PDB file of all heavy atoms in Angstrom:
ATOM      1  N   VAL A   1      76.000  81.056 110.116  1.00  0.00           N
ATOM      2  CA  VAL A   1      75.128  81.863 110.970  1.00  0.00           C
ATOM      3  C   VAL A   1      75.911  82.952 111.693  1.00  0.00           C
ATOM      4  O   VAL A   1      75.520  84.132 111.694  1.00  0.00           O
ATOM      5  CB  VAL A   1      74.397  80.974 111.997  1.00  0.00           C
ATOM      6  CG1 VAL A   1      73.762  81.817 113.087  1.00  0.00           C
ATOM      7  CG2 VAL A   1      73.331  80.146 111.309  1.00  0.00           C
ATOM      8  N   GLU A   2      77.029  82.590 112.309  1.00  0.00           N
ATOM      9  CA  GLU A   2      77.783  83.553 113.105  1.00  0.00           C
ATOM     10  C   GLU A   2      78.392  84.652 112.249  1.00  0.00           C
ATOM     11  O   GLU A   2      78.426  85.826 112.657  1.00  0.00           O
ATOM     12  CB  GLU A   2      78.856  82.826 113.919  1.00  0.00           C
ATOM     13  CG  GLU A   2      78.252  81.952 115.022  1.00  0.00           C
ATOM     14  CD  GLU A   2      79.299  81.252 115.867  1.00  0.00           C
ATOM     15  OE1 GLU A   2      80.511  81.404 115.564  1.00  0.00           O
ATOM     16  OE2 GLU A   2      78.914  80.546 116.818  1.00  0.00           O
ATOM     17  N   GLU A   3      78.865  84.318 111.062  1.00  0.00           N
ATOM     18  CA  GLU A   3      79.442  85.362 110.207  1.00  0.00           C
ATOM     19  C   GLU A   3      78.372  86.286 109.642  1.00  0.00           C
ATOM     20  O   GLU A   3      78.588  87.499 109.536  1.00  0.00           O
ATOM     21  CB  GLU A   3      80.265  84.731 109.075  1.00  0.00           C
ATOM     22  CG  GLU A   3      81.528  84.038 109.550  1.00  0.00           C
ATOM     23  CD  GLU A   3      82.357  84.899 110.484  1.00  0.00           C
ATOM     24  OE1 GLU A   3      82.578  86.089 110.178  1.00  0.00           O
ATOM     25  OE2 GLU A   3      82.775  84.382 111.539  1.00  0.00           O
ATOM     26  N   LEU A   4      77.222  85.737 109.292  1.00  0.00           N
ATOM     27  CA  LEU A   4      76.128  86.603 108.831  1.00  0.00           C
ATOM     28  C   LEU A   4      75.698  87.557 109.937  1.00  0.00           C
ATOM     29  O   LEU A   4      75.473  88.751 109.699  1.00  0.00           O
ATOM     30  CB  LEU A   4      74.948  85.749 108.373  1.00  0.00           C
ATOM     31  CG  LEU A   4      75.076  85.098 106.991  1.00  0.00           C
ATOM     32  CD1 LEU A   4      73.949  84.086 106.775  1.00  0.00           C
ATOM     33  CD2 LEU A   4      75.036  86.155 105.887  1.00  0.00           C
ATOM     34  N   ILE A   5      75.597  87.054 111.167  1.00  0.00           N
ATOM     35  CA  ILE A   5      75.141  87.885 112.284  1.00  0.00           C
ATOM     36  C   ILE A   5      76.194  88.919 112.678  1.00  0.00           C
ATOM     37  O   ILE A   5      75.906  90.126 112.717  1.00  0.00           O
ATOM     38  CB  ILE A   5      74.814  87.018 113.515  1.00  0.00           C
ATOM     39  CG1 ILE A   5      73.555  86.188 113.269  1.00  0.00           C
ATOM     40  CG2 ILE A   5      74.606  87.901 114.752  1.00  0.00           C
ATOM     41  CD1 ILE A   5      73.237  85.202 114.383  1.00  0.00           C
ATOM     42  N   PHE A   6      77.419  88.462 112.955  1.00  0.00           N
ATOM     43  CA  PHE A   6      78.398  89.334 113.593  1.00  0.00           C
ATOM     44  C   PHE A   6      79.207  90.181 112.611  1.00  0.00           C
ATOM     45  O   PHE A   6      79.477  91.349 112.885  1.00  0.00           O
ATOM     46  CB  PHE A   6      79.332  88.514 114.479  1.00  0.00           C
ATOM     47  CG  PHE A   6      78.637  87.986 115.701  1.00  0.00           C
ATOM     48  CD1 PHE A   6      78.181  86.671 115.737  1.00  0.00           C
ATOM     49  CD2 PHE A   6      78.415  88.790 116.797  1.00  0.00           C
ATOM     50  CE1 PHE A   6      77.524  86.177 116.855  1.00  0.00           C
ATOM     51  CE2 PHE A   6      77.752  88.311 117.916  1.00  0.00           C
ATOM     52  CZ  PHE A   6      77.303  87.004 117.947  1.00  0.00           C
ATOM     53  N   ARG A   7      79.650  89.607 111.507  1.00  0.00           N
ATOM     54  CA  ARG A   7      80.398  90.414 110.554  1.00  0.00           C
ATOM     55  C   ARG A   7      79.490  90.980 109.457  1.00  0.00           C
ATOM     56  O   ARG A   7      79.585  92.152 109.116  1.00  0.00           O
ATOM     57  CB  ARG A   7      81.519  89.567 109.938  1.00  0.00           C
ATOM     58  CG  ARG A   7      82.879  89.754 110.578  1.00  0.00           C
ATOM     59  CD  ARG A   7      82.937  89.404 112.054  1.00  0.00           C
ATOM     60  NE  ARG A   7      82.774  87.971 112.278  1.00  0.00           N
ATOM     61  CZ  ARG A   7      82.855  87.403 113.472  1.00  0.00           C
ATOM     62  NH1 ARG A   7      83.078  88.124 114.566  1.00  0.00           N
ATOM     63  NH2 ARG A   7      82.679  86.101 113.611  1.00  0.00           N
ATOM     64  N   GLY A   8      78.594  90.154 108.935  1.00  0.00           N
ATOM     65  CA  GLY A   8      77.759  90.600 107.835  1.00  0.00           C
ATOM     66  C   GLY A   8      76.726  91.639 108.203  1.00  0.00           C
ATOM     67  O   GLY A   8      76.378  92.499 107.386  1.00  0.00           O
ATOM     68  N   LEU A   9      76.219  91.605 109.436  1.00  0.00           N
ATOM     69  CA  LEU A   9      75.180  92.549 109.848  1.00  0.00           C
ATOM     70  C   LEU A   9      75.644  93.476 110.973  1.00  0.00           C
ATOM     71  O   LEU A   9      75.661  94.695 110.809  1.00  0.00           O
ATOM     72  CB  LEU A   9      73.920  91.783 110.261  1.00  0.00           C
ATOM     73  CG  LEU A   9      73.222  91.023 109.126  1.00  0.00           C
ATOM     74  CD1 LEU A   9      72.127  90.116 109.670  1.00  0.00           C
ATOM     75  CD2 LEU A   9      72.644  91.991 108.102  1.00  0.00           C
ATOM     76  N   MET A  10      76.041  92.912 112.117  1.00  0.00           N
ATOM     77  CA  MET A  10      76.406  93.757 113.259  1.00  0.00           C
ATOM     78  C   MET A  10      77.584  94.684 112.935  1.00  0.00           C
ATOM     79  O   MET A  10      77.492  95.903 113.125  1.00  0.00           O
ATOM     80  CB  MET A  10      76.754  92.892 114.464  1.00  0.00           C
ATOM     81  CG  MET A  10      77.112  93.707 115.707  1.00  0.00           C
ATOM     82  SD  MET A  10      77.558  92.669 117.130  1.00  0.00           S
ATOM     83  CE  MET A  10      75.973  91.906 117.500  1.00  0.00           C
ATOM     84  N   TYR A  11      78.679  94.124 112.460  1.00  0.00           N
ATOM     85  CA  TYR A  11      79.863  94.944 112.188  1.00  0.00           C
ATOM     86  C   TYR A  11      79.581  96.018 111.141  1.00  0.00           C
ATOM     87  O   TYR A  11      79.906  97.194 111.348  1.00  0.00           O
ATOM     88  CB  TYR A  11      81.018  94.058 111.731  1.00  0.00           C
ATOM     89  CG  TYR A  11      82.173  94.844 111.148  1.00  0.00           C
ATOM     90  CD1 TYR A  11      82.977  95.628 111.968  1.00  0.00           C
ATOM     91  CD2 TYR A  11      82.433  94.826 109.778  1.00  0.00           C
ATOM     92  CE1 TYR A  11      84.025  96.381 111.430  1.00  0.00           C
ATOM     93  CE2 TYR A  11      83.474  95.563 109.240  1.00  0.00           C
ATOM     94  CZ  TYR A  11      84.260  96.340 110.064  1.00  0.00           C
ATOM     95  OH  TYR A  11      85.285  97.082 109.526  1.00  0.00           O
ATOM     96  N   ILE A  12      78.987  95.613 110.041  1.00  0.00           N
ATOM     97  CA  ILE A  12      78.732  96.561 108.951  1.00  0.00           C
ATOM     98  C   ILE A  12      77.781  97.667 109.391  1.00  0.00           C
ATOM     99  O   ILE A  12      77.991  98.855 109.101  1.00  0.00           O
ATOM    100  CB  ILE A  12      78.157  95.825 107.719  1.00  0.00           C
ATOM    101  CG1 ILE A  12      79.244  94.956 107.075  1.00  0.00           C
ATOM    102  CG2 ILE A  12      77.606  96.811 106.702  1.00  0.00           C
ATOM    103  CD1 ILE A  12      80.441  95.724 106.549  1.00  0.00           C
ATOM    104  N   ARG A  13      76.734  97.330 110.119  1.00  0.00           N
ATOM    105  CA  ARG A  13      75.764  98.337 110.558  1.00  0.00           C
ATOM    106  C   ARG A  13      76.358  99.268 111.605  1.00  0.00           C
ATOM    107  O   ARG A  13      76.079 100.471 111.599  1.00  0.00           O
ATOM    108  CB  ARG A  13      74.503  97.637 111.064  1.00  0.00           C
ATOM    109  CG  ARG A  13      73.709  96.987 109.921  1.00  0.00           C
ATOM    110  CD  ARG A  13      72.497  96.228 110.412  1.00  0.00           C
ATOM    111  NE  ARG A  13      71.677  95.792 109.285  1.00  0.00           N
ATOM    112  CZ  ARG A  13      70.513  95.158 109.391  1.00  0.00           C
ATOM    113  NH1 ARG A  13      70.031  94.853 110.594  1.00  0.00           N
ATOM    114  NH2 ARG A  13      69.828  94.818 108.325  1.00  0.00           N
ATOM    115  N   LEU A  14      77.171  98.734 112.496  1.00  0.00           N
ATOM    116  CA  LEU A  14      77.850  99.591 113.476  1.00  0.00           C
ATOM    117  C   LEU A  14      78.884 100.483 112.785  1.00  0.00           C
ATOM    118  O   LEU A  14      79.074 101.643 113.170  1.00  0.00           O
ATOM    119  CB  LEU A  14      78.535  98.737 114.543  1.00  0.00           C
ATOM    120  CG  LEU A  14      77.615  98.041 115.552  1.00  0.00           C
ATOM    121  CD1 LEU A  14      78.422  97.112 116.443  1.00  0.00           C
ATOM    122  CD2 LEU A  14      76.851  99.063 116.397  1.00  0.00           C
ATOM    123  N   LYS A  15      79.540  99.958 111.773  1.00  0.00           N
ATOM    124  CA  LYS A  15      80.552 100.724 111.039  1.00  0.00           C
ATOM    125  C   LYS A  15      79.930 101.946 110.370  1.00  0.00           C
ATOM    126  O   LYS A  15      80.564 103.016 110.307  1.00  0.00           O
ATOM    127  CB  LYS A  15      81.218  99.822 109.997  1.00  0.00           C
ATOM    128  CG  LYS A  15      82.334 100.510 109.214  1.00  0.00           C
ATOM    129  CD  LYS A  15      82.913  99.559 108.179  1.00  0.00           C
ATOM    130  CE  LYS A  15      83.953 100.265 107.329  1.00  0.00           C
ATOM    131  NZ  LYS A  15      84.499  99.387 106.263  1.00  0.00           N
ATOM    132  N   ARG A  16      78.724 101.811 109.876  1.00  0.00           N
ATOM    133  CA  ARG A  16      78.054 102.945 109.231  1.00  0.00           C
ATOM    134  C   ARG A  16      77.789 104.077 110.212  1.00  0.00           C
ATOM    135  O   ARG A  16      77.716 105.237 109.828  1.00  0.00           O
ATOM    136  CB  ARG A  16      76.730 102.485 108.612  1.00  0.00           C
ATOM    137  CG  ARG A  16      76.872 101.550 107.425  1.00  0.00           C
ATOM    138  CD  ARG A  16      75.514 101.156 106.898  1.00  0.00           C
ATOM    139  NE  ARG A  16      75.598  99.964 106.064  1.00  0.00           N
ATOM    140  CZ  ARG A  16      74.692  99.009 106.026  1.00  0.00           C
ATOM    141  NH1 ARG A  16      73.620  99.083 106.793  1.00  0.00           N
ATOM    142  NH2 ARG A  16      74.837  97.976 105.228  1.00  0.00           N
ATOM    143  N   MET A  17      77.636 103.722 111.495  1.00  0.00           N
ATOM    144  CA  MET A  17      77.356 104.740 112.508  1.00  0.00           C
ATOM    145  C   MET A  17      78.613 105.248 113.201  1.00  0.00           C
ATOM    146  O   MET A  17      78.756 106.444 113.457  1.00  0.00           O
ATOM    147  CB  MET A  17      76.386 104.157 113.558  1.00  0.00           C
ATOM    148  CG  MET A  17      74.979 103.909 113.066  1.00  0.00           C
ATOM    149  SD  MET A  17      73.897 103.274 114.384  1.00  0.00           S
ATOM    150  CE  MET A  17      74.366 101.541 114.398  1.00  0.00           C
ATOM    151  N   PHE A  18      79.549 104.353 113.521  1.00  0.00           N
ATOM    152  CA  PHE A  18      80.666 104.725 114.391  1.00  0.00           C
ATOM    153  C   PHE A  18      82.041 104.617 113.740  1.00  0.00           C
ATOM    154  O   PHE A  18      83.036 105.026 114.350  1.00  0.00           O
ATOM    155  CB  PHE A  18      80.663 103.829 115.644  1.00  0.00           C
ATOM    156  CG  PHE A  18      79.397 103.905 116.434  1.00  0.00           C
ATOM    157  CD1 PHE A  18      78.468 102.873 116.384  1.00  0.00           C
ATOM    158  CD2 PHE A  18      79.110 105.013 117.225  1.00  0.00           C
ATOM    159  CE1 PHE A  18      77.295 102.928 117.115  1.00  0.00           C
ATOM    160  CE2 PHE A  18      77.937 105.081 117.957  1.00  0.00           C
ATOM    161  CZ  PHE A  18      77.024 104.042 117.909  1.00  0.00           C
ATOM    162  N   GLY A  19      82.117 104.057 112.547  1.00  0.00           N
ATOM    163  CA  GLY A  19      83.413 103.837 111.928  1.00  0.00           C
ATOM    164  C   GLY A  19      83.952 102.454 112.229  1.00  0.00           C
ATOM    165  O   GLY A  19      83.459 101.749 113.116  1.00  0.00           O
ATOM    166  N   GLY A  20      85.005 102.056 111.497  1.00  0.00           N
ATOM    167  CA  GLY A  20      85.508 100.694 111.574  1.00  0.00           C
ATOM    168  C   GLY A  20      86.104 100.297 112.913  1.00  0.00           C
ATOM    169  O   GLY A  20      85.884  99.185 113.381  1.00  0.00           O
ATOM    170  N   ALA A  21      86.865 101.189 113.540  1.00  0.00           N
ATOM    171  CA  ALA A  21      87.555 100.839 114.783  1.00  0.00           C
ATOM    172  C   ALA A  21      86.575 100.513 115.903  1.00  0.00           C
ATOM    173  O   ALA A  21      86.705  99.488 116.586  1.00  0.00           O
ATOM    174  CB  ALA A  21      88.486 101.975 115.208  1.00  0.00           C
ATOM    175  N   VAL A  22      85.601 101.381 116.099  1.00  0.00           N
ATOM    176  CA  VAL A  22      84.602 101.167 117.143  1.00  0.00           C
ATOM    177  C   VAL A  22      83.754  99.935 116.818  1.00  0.00           C
ATOM    178  O   VAL A  22      83.461  99.115 117.699  1.00  0.00           O
ATOM    179  CB  VAL A  22      83.697 102.401 117.321  1.00  0.00           C
ATOM    180  CG1 VAL A  22      82.558 102.104 118.287  1.00  0.00           C
ATOM    181  CG2 VAL A  22      84.520 103.586 117.818  1.00  0.00           C
ATOM    182  N   ALA A  23      83.357  99.809 115.556  1.00  0.00           N
ATOM    183  CA  ALA A  23      82.529  98.675 115.144  1.00  0.00           C
ATOM    184  C   ALA A  23      83.253  97.352 115.380  1.00  0.00           C
ATOM    185  O   ALA A  23      82.654  96.381 115.857  1.00  0.00           O
ATOM    186  CB  ALA A  23      82.149  98.807 113.671  1.00  0.00           C
ATOM    187  N   ALA A  24      84.553  97.301 115.062  1.00  0.00           N
ATOM    188  CA  ALA A  24      85.332  96.075 115.261  1.00  0.00           C
ATOM    189  C   ALA A  24      85.447  95.735 116.739  1.00  0.00           C
ATOM    190  O   ALA A  24      85.313  94.572 117.133  1.00  0.00           O
ATOM    191  CB  ALA A  24      86.719  96.229 114.649  1.00  0.00           C
ATOM    192  N   LEU A  25      85.682  96.754 117.578  1.00  0.00           N
ATOM    193  CA  LEU A  25      85.818  96.528 119.016  1.00  0.00           C
ATOM    194  C   LEU A  25      84.510  96.007 119.613  1.00  0.00           C
ATOM    195  O   LEU A  25      84.505  95.001 120.347  1.00  0.00           O
ATOM    196  CB  LEU A  25      86.232  97.819 119.719  1.00  0.00           C
ATOM    197  CG  LEU A  25      86.321  97.758 121.253  1.00  0.00           C
ATOM    198  CD1 LEU A  25      87.364  96.741 121.687  1.00  0.00           C
ATOM    199  CD2 LEU A  25      86.636  99.137 121.822  1.00  0.00           C
ATOM    200  N   VAL A  26      83.406  96.659 119.311  1.00  0.00           N
ATOM    201  CA  VAL A  26      82.111  96.262 119.870  1.00  0.00           C
ATOM    202  C   VAL A  26      81.719  94.870 119.370  1.00  0.00           C
ATOM    203  O   VAL A  26      81.266  94.029 120.149  1.00  0.00           O
ATOM    204  CB  VAL A  26      81.012  97.291 119.516  1.00  0.00           C
ATOM    205  CG1 VAL A  26      79.636  96.787 119.962  1.00  0.00           C
ATOM    206  CG2 VAL A  26      81.319  98.637 120.157  1.00  0.00           C
ATOM    207  N   THR A  27      81.911  94.626 118.084  1.00  0.00           N
ATOM    208  CA  THR A  27      81.580  93.314 117.521  1.00  0.00           C
ATOM    209  C   THR A  27      82.401  92.217 118.183  1.00  0.00           C
ATOM    210  O   THR A  27      81.881  91.149 118.519  1.00  0.00           O
ATOM    211  CB  THR A  27      81.823  93.294 116.002  1.00  0.00           C
ATOM    212  OG1 THR A  27      81.023  94.295 115.378  1.00  0.00           O
ATOM    213  CG2 THR A  27      81.468  91.930 115.413  1.00  0.00           C
ATOM    214  N   GLY A  28      83.698  92.477 118.386  1.00  0.00           N
ATOM    215  CA  GLY A  28      84.560  91.493 119.042  1.00  0.00           C
ATOM    216  C   GLY A  28      84.128  91.214 120.468  1.00  0.00           C
ATOM    217  O   GLY A  28      84.100  90.056 120.905  1.00  0.00           O
ATOM    218  N   LEU A  29      83.773  92.268 121.205  1.00  0.00           N
ATOM    219  CA  LEU A  29      83.326  92.099 122.591  1.00  0.00           C
ATOM    220  C   LEU A  29      82.027  91.299 122.659  1.00  0.00           C
ATOM    221  O   LEU A  29      81.892  90.373 123.471  1.00  0.00           O
ATOM    222  CB  LEU A  29      83.135  93.460 123.252  1.00  0.00           C
ATOM    223  CG  LEU A  29      84.422  94.234 123.586  1.00  0.00           C
ATOM    224  CD1 LEU A  29      84.084  95.644 124.046  1.00  0.00           C
ATOM    225  CD2 LEU A  29      85.235  93.514 124.645  1.00  0.00           C
ATOM    226  N   ILE A  30      81.078  91.648 121.804  1.00  0.00           N
ATOM    227  CA  ILE A  30      79.787  90.939 121.796  1.00  0.00           C
ATOM    228  C   ILE A  30      79.978  89.493 121.362  1.00  0.00           C
ATOM    229  O   ILE A  30      79.383  88.567 121.917  1.00  0.00           O
ATOM    230  CB  ILE A  30      78.770  91.634 120.871  1.00  0.00           C
ATOM    231  CG1 ILE A  30      78.492  93.062 121.345  1.00  0.00           C
ATOM    232  CG2 ILE A  30      77.459  90.846 120.821  1.00  0.00           C
ATOM    233  CD1 ILE A  30      77.891  93.158 122.720  1.00  0.00           C
ATOM    234  N   PHE A  31      80.853  89.268 120.386  1.00  0.00           N
ATOM    235  CA  PHE A  31      81.118  87.912 119.910  1.00  0.00           C
ATOM    236  C   PHE A  31      81.758  87.078 121.011  1.00  0.00           C
ATOM    237  O   PHE A  31      81.459  85.892 121.172  1.00  0.00           O
ATOM    238  CB  PHE A  31      82.034  87.965 118.680  1.00  0.00           C
ATOM    239  CG  PHE A  31      82.156  86.663 117.950  1.00  0.00           C
ATOM    240  CD1 PHE A  31      81.036  85.965 117.525  1.00  0.00           C
ATOM    241  CD2 PHE A  31      83.412  86.133 117.657  1.00  0.00           C
ATOM    242  CE1 PHE A  31      81.151  84.763 116.828  1.00  0.00           C
ATOM    243  CE2 PHE A  31      83.540  84.942 116.965  1.00  0.00           C
ATOM    244  CZ  PHE A  31      82.404  84.255 116.553  1.00  0.00           C
ATOM    245  N   GLY A  32      82.627  87.692 121.804  1.00  0.00           N
ATOM    246  CA  GLY A  32      83.241  86.987 122.921  1.00  0.00           C
ATOM    247  C   GLY A  32      82.236  86.646 123.999  1.00  0.00           C
ATOM    248  O   GLY A  32      82.187  85.515 124.490  1.00  0.00           O
ATOM    249  N   ILE A  33      81.398  87.626 124.373  1.00  0.00           N
ATOM    250  CA  ILE A  33      80.369  87.400 125.398  1.00  0.00           C
ATOM    251  C   ILE A  33      79.373  86.345 124.940  1.00  0.00           C
ATOM    252  O   ILE A  33      78.905  85.514 125.731  1.00  0.00           O
ATOM    253  CB  ILE A  33      79.643  88.726 125.715  1.00  0.00           C
ATOM    254  CG1 ILE A  33      80.617  89.712 126.373  1.00  0.00           C
ATOM    255  CG2 ILE A  33      78.437  88.494 126.620  1.00  0.00           C
ATOM    256  CD1 ILE A  33      80.064  91.112 126.511  1.00  0.00           C
ATOM    257  N   TYR A  34      79.058  86.356 123.657  1.00  0.00           N
ATOM    258  CA  TYR A  34      78.109  85.411 123.070  1.00  0.00           C
ATOM    259  C   TYR A  34      78.506  83.959 123.334  1.00  0.00           C
ATOM    260  O   TYR A  34      77.640  83.087 123.483  1.00  0.00           O
ATOM    261  CB  TYR A  34      78.027  85.700 121.567  1.00  0.00           C
ATOM    262  CG  TYR A  34      77.523  84.601 120.681  1.00  0.00           C
ATOM    263  CD1 TYR A  34      76.156  84.404 120.497  1.00  0.00           C
ATOM    264  CD2 TYR A  34      78.408  83.773 119.985  1.00  0.00           C
ATOM    265  CE1 TYR A  34      75.693  83.402 119.649  1.00  0.00           C
ATOM    266  CE2 TYR A  34      77.959  82.772 119.148  1.00  0.00           C
ATOM    267  CZ  TYR A  34      76.599  82.592 118.981  1.00  0.00           C
ATOM    268  OH  TYR A  34      76.153  81.604 118.151  1.00  0.00           O
ATOM    269  N   HIS A  35      79.802  83.687 123.439  1.00  0.00           N
ATOM    270  CA  HIS A  35      80.257  82.314 123.653  1.00  0.00           C
ATOM    271  C   HIS A  35      80.151  81.874 125.111  1.00  0.00           C
ATOM    272  O   HIS A  35      80.316  80.690 125.423  1.00  0.00           O
ATOM    273  CB  HIS A  35      81.688  82.147 123.135  1.00  0.00           C
ATOM    274  CG  HIS A  35      81.755  82.072 121.647  1.00  0.00           C
ATOM    275  ND1 HIS A  35      81.759  83.194 120.838  1.00  0.00           N
ATOM    276  CD2 HIS A  35      81.795  81.011 120.804  1.00  0.00           C
ATOM    277  CE1 HIS A  35      81.809  82.818 119.577  1.00  0.00           C
ATOM    278  NE2 HIS A  35      81.830  81.497 119.519  1.00  0.00           N
ATOM    279  N   MET A  36      79.935  82.800 126.024  1.00  0.00           N
ATOM    280  CA  MET A  36      79.524  82.516 127.401  1.00  0.00           C
ATOM    281  C   MET A  36      80.505  81.691 128.239  1.00  0.00           C
ATOM    282  O   MET A  36      80.108  80.950 129.127  1.00  0.00           O
ATOM    283  CB  MET A  36      78.136  81.866 127.418  1.00  0.00           C
ATOM    284  CG  MET A  36      77.045  82.802 126.932  1.00  0.00           C
ATOM    285  SD  MET A  36      75.369  82.128 127.097  1.00  0.00           S
ATOM    286  CE  MET A  36      75.374  80.852 125.857  1.00  0.00           C
ATOM    287  N   ASN A  37      81.793  81.768 127.935  1.00  0.00           N
ATOM    288  CA  ASN A  37      82.809  81.257 128.848  1.00  0.00           C
ATOM    289  C   ASN A  37      84.100  82.004 128.565  1.00  0.00           C
ATOM    290  O   ASN A  37      84.319  82.495 127.458  1.00  0.00           O
ATOM    291  CB  ASN A  37      82.978  79.739 128.751  1.00  0.00           C
ATOM    292  CG  ASN A  37      83.553  79.301 127.434  1.00  0.00           C
ATOM    293  OD1 ASN A  37      84.761  79.373 127.233  1.00  0.00           O
ATOM    294  ND2 ASN A  37      82.699  78.848 126.521  1.00  0.00           N
ATOM    295  N   ILE A  38      84.966  82.095 129.561  1.00  0.00           N
ATOM    296  CA  ILE A  38      86.127  82.980 129.477  1.00  0.00           C
ATOM    297  C   ILE A  38      87.117  82.539 128.400  1.00  0.00           C
ATOM    298  O   ILE A  38      87.542  83.346 127.560  1.00  0.00           O
ATOM    299  CB  ILE A  38      86.832  83.081 130.845  1.00  0.00           C
ATOM    300  CG1 ILE A  38      85.886  83.684 131.883  1.00  0.00           C
ATOM    301  CG2 ILE A  38      88.088  83.943 130.728  1.00  0.00           C
ATOM    302  CD1 ILE A  38      86.432  83.691 133.301  1.00  0.00           C
ATOM    303  N   SER A  39      87.496  81.271 128.413  1.00  0.00           N
ATOM    304  CA  SER A  39      88.491  80.794 127.446  1.00  0.00           C
ATOM    305  C   SER A  39      88.016  80.995 126.017  1.00  0.00           C
ATOM    306  O   SER A  39      88.740  81.526 125.165  1.00  0.00           O
ATOM    307  CB  SER A  39      88.788  79.311 127.694  1.00  0.00           C
ATOM    308  OG  SER A  39      89.439  79.125 128.926  1.00  0.00           O
ATOM    309  N   GLN A  40      86.820  80.555 125.751  1.00  0.00           N
ATOM    310  CA  GLN A  40      86.261  80.675 124.415  1.00  0.00           C
ATOM    311  C   GLN A  40      86.036  82.141 124.059  1.00  0.00           C
ATOM    312  O   GLN A  40      86.206  82.542 122.902  1.00  0.00           O
ATOM    313  CB  GLN A  40      84.946  79.897 124.337  1.00  0.00           C
ATOM    314  CG  GLN A  40      84.535  79.534 122.921  1.00  0.00           C
ATOM    315  CD  GLN A  40      83.270  78.694 122.917  1.00  0.00           C
ATOM    316  OE1 GLN A  40      82.559  78.627 123.910  1.00  0.00           O
ATOM    317  NE2 GLN A  40      82.988  78.066 121.802  1.00  0.00           N
ATOM    318  N   GLY A  41      85.661  82.943 125.051  1.00  0.00           N
ATOM    319  CA  GLY A  41      85.414  84.364 124.813  1.00  0.00           C
ATOM    320  C   GLY A  41      86.670  85.099 124.389  1.00  0.00           C
ATOM    321  O   GLY A  41      86.627  85.958 123.498  1.00  0.00           O
ATOM    322  N   ILE A  42      87.800  84.783 125.017  1.00  0.00           N
ATOM    323  CA  ILE A  42      89.071  85.421 124.647  1.00  0.00           C
ATOM    324  C   ILE A  42      89.420  85.078 123.206  1.00  0.00           C
ATOM    325  O   ILE A  42      89.793  85.949 122.407  1.00  0.00           O
ATOM    326  CB  ILE A  42      90.197  84.967 125.597  1.00  0.00           C
ATOM    327  CG1 ILE A  42      89.929  85.470 127.020  1.00  0.00           C
ATOM    328  CG2 ILE A  42      91.558  85.468 125.101  1.00  0.00           C
ATOM    329  CD1 ILE A  42      90.869  84.879 128.067  1.00  0.00           C
TER     330      ILE A  42
END
């Protein structure tokens, strides 16, 4: 589920608009926030 959502859809769709660097950064930040605690988020 998480790979389909974050890498398979979010990252790829953001990459089409902003390029790989921005897409990777945003996806990583959202994936960290998604886990809802600091240790796990890092």
